[in-house]
Protein backbone atom coordinates (compact mmCIF):
# COMPACT_ATOMS: atom_id res chain seq x y z
CA UNK A 1 -171.24 82.80 -10.33
CA UNK A 2 -173.00 79.88 -9.83
CA UNK A 3 -176.71 80.24 -10.12
CA UNK A 4 -179.05 77.60 -9.65
CA UNK A 5 -181.47 76.43 -12.79
CA UNK A 6 -185.00 75.38 -11.64
CA UNK A 7 -183.74 71.19 -11.36
CA UNK A 8 -180.71 72.13 -10.73
CA UNK A 9 -179.04 70.26 -7.80
CA UNK A 10 -175.97 71.18 -6.21
CA UNK A 11 -173.17 69.94 -3.75
CA UNK A 12 -170.81 71.35 -0.98
CA UNK A 13 -168.40 69.33 1.11
CA UNK A 14 -168.12 70.77 4.68
CA UNK A 15 -165.91 69.70 7.16
CA UNK A 16 -164.40 71.24 10.62
CA UNK A 17 -162.10 73.89 11.19
CA UNK A 18 -161.16 75.10 14.69
CA UNK A 19 -164.56 73.87 15.54
CA UNK A 20 -166.86 75.02 12.88
CA UNK A 21 -168.58 73.88 10.09
CA UNK A 22 -166.62 75.84 6.77
CA UNK A 23 -166.56 74.57 3.03
CA UNK A 24 -164.59 75.77 0.36
CA UNK A 25 -166.15 76.15 -3.29
CA UNK A 26 -163.38 77.52 -5.74
CA UNK A 27 -166.21 77.73 -8.36
CA UNK A 28 -168.40 80.12 -6.09
CA UNK A 29 -165.26 81.90 -4.87
CA UNK A 30 -165.53 80.77 -1.46
CA UNK A 31 -163.17 79.45 1.04
CA UNK A 32 -163.58 78.57 4.62
CA UNK A 33 -167.05 79.52 4.40
CA UNK A 34 -168.65 79.04 7.34
CA UNK A 35 -172.36 78.11 9.01
CA UNK A 36 -173.49 79.81 12.05
CA UNK A 37 -176.56 81.14 13.31
CA UNK A 38 -177.82 77.65 14.21
CA UNK A 39 -176.92 76.47 10.71
CA UNK A 40 -174.16 74.71 12.04
CA UNK A 41 -176.59 73.22 15.33
CA UNK A 42 -178.83 71.56 11.99
CA UNK A 43 -175.52 70.45 10.32
CA UNK A 44 -174.80 68.44 13.64
CA UNK A 45 -178.08 66.60 14.06
CA UNK A 46 -178.11 65.98 10.09
CA UNK A 47 -174.62 64.15 10.40
CA UNK A 48 -175.25 61.76 13.07
CA UNK A 49 -173.80 58.07 11.54
CA UNK A 50 -172.25 59.37 9.51
CA UNK A 51 -168.63 58.06 9.93
CA UNK A 52 -165.70 60.83 10.19
CA UNK A 53 -167.93 63.90 9.42
CA UNK A 54 -165.77 66.17 10.75
CA UNK A 55 -163.42 65.37 8.34
CA UNK A 56 -165.89 66.29 5.53
CA UNK A 57 -169.30 65.13 3.84
CA UNK A 58 -171.30 65.56 0.83
CA UNK A 59 -173.74 68.32 0.94
CA UNK A 60 -176.89 67.81 -1.93
CA UNK A 61 -178.95 70.46 -2.13
CA UNK A 62 -181.88 71.63 -4.35
CA UNK A 63 -184.53 74.41 -4.46
CA UNK A 64 -186.89 71.05 -5.78
CA UNK A 65 -187.10 67.92 -4.11
CA UNK A 66 -185.59 65.36 -5.70
CA UNK A 67 -184.65 61.31 -4.65
CA UNK A 68 -183.43 60.79 -1.01
CA UNK A 69 -183.51 64.36 0.30
CA UNK A 70 -183.40 64.39 4.09
CA UNK A 71 -184.85 67.28 4.83
CA UNK A 72 -187.01 70.40 3.64
CA UNK A 73 -186.28 73.58 5.03
CA UNK A 74 -188.72 76.19 4.65
CA UNK A 75 -187.83 80.16 4.00
CA UNK A 76 -188.97 82.35 7.85
CA UNK A 77 -187.41 85.82 6.79
CA UNK A 78 -184.25 88.01 5.66
CA UNK A 79 -181.94 89.17 8.16
CA UNK A 80 -178.25 91.46 7.83
CA UNK A 81 -178.41 90.39 3.98
CA UNK A 82 -178.70 86.41 4.80
CA UNK A 83 -182.18 84.17 5.44
CA UNK A 84 -183.70 82.22 7.99
CA UNK A 85 -184.91 78.67 7.04
CA UNK A 86 -186.62 76.59 9.36
CA UNK A 87 -187.22 72.62 9.87
CA UNK A 88 -189.90 71.49 12.41
CA UNK A 89 -187.64 68.73 13.69
CA UNK A 90 -183.88 70.05 13.26
CA UNK A 91 -184.68 73.81 13.91
CA UNK A 92 -184.32 77.19 12.31
CA UNK A 93 -180.84 78.66 11.04
CA UNK A 94 -179.68 81.37 8.81
CA UNK A 95 -177.65 81.54 5.68
CA UNK A 96 -175.66 84.31 4.85
CA UNK A 97 -175.32 86.05 1.51
CA UNK A 98 -173.11 83.14 0.01
CA UNK A 99 -176.83 81.73 -0.59
CA UNK A 100 -177.06 83.97 -3.79
CA UNK A 101 -173.47 82.11 -5.32
CA UNK A 102 -175.84 79.36 -5.80
CA UNK A 103 -179.44 81.49 -6.67
CA UNK A 104 -180.72 84.43 -7.68
CA UNK A 105 -183.00 84.75 -5.03
CA UNK A 106 -183.64 82.86 -1.62
CA UNK A 107 -185.64 79.88 -2.51
CA UNK A 108 -189.08 79.40 -0.72
CA UNK A 109 -187.88 75.54 0.17
CA UNK A 110 -184.68 74.30 0.42
CA UNK A 111 -184.07 70.32 0.13
CA UNK A 112 -180.87 69.09 1.61
CA UNK A 113 -179.01 65.31 2.22
CA UNK A 114 -176.43 64.70 3.76
CA UNK A 115 -173.91 61.79 2.81
CA UNK A 116 -170.34 60.52 3.24
CA UNK A 117 -167.99 61.93 1.22
CA UNK A 118 -166.19 59.70 -1.38
CA UNK A 119 -162.56 59.45 -0.25
């Protein structure tokens, strides 16, 4: 399993599959892991302006701020083994238990940046 060190930045590469945002991460044992319950809507908003985002983009994230982060999400609550996070303008989204493939516990904040994927 992957685990986040205090200053670790992580990256995944979401893409659209059958109308949903999903990602694969072989190292974490995830294939077509979907973003649901508001997290998908947040991604829709964050990728505006990224050409061909539906074919894939890079999502960089960390429990700590980093240069160029676009959004800071605050932890709201736990539900059904996952965790809700909120951004004032982008809204609220649920991150499923796959979050724990990257973090030992739900971080108080998650910082994120969406950018074009190098092809």
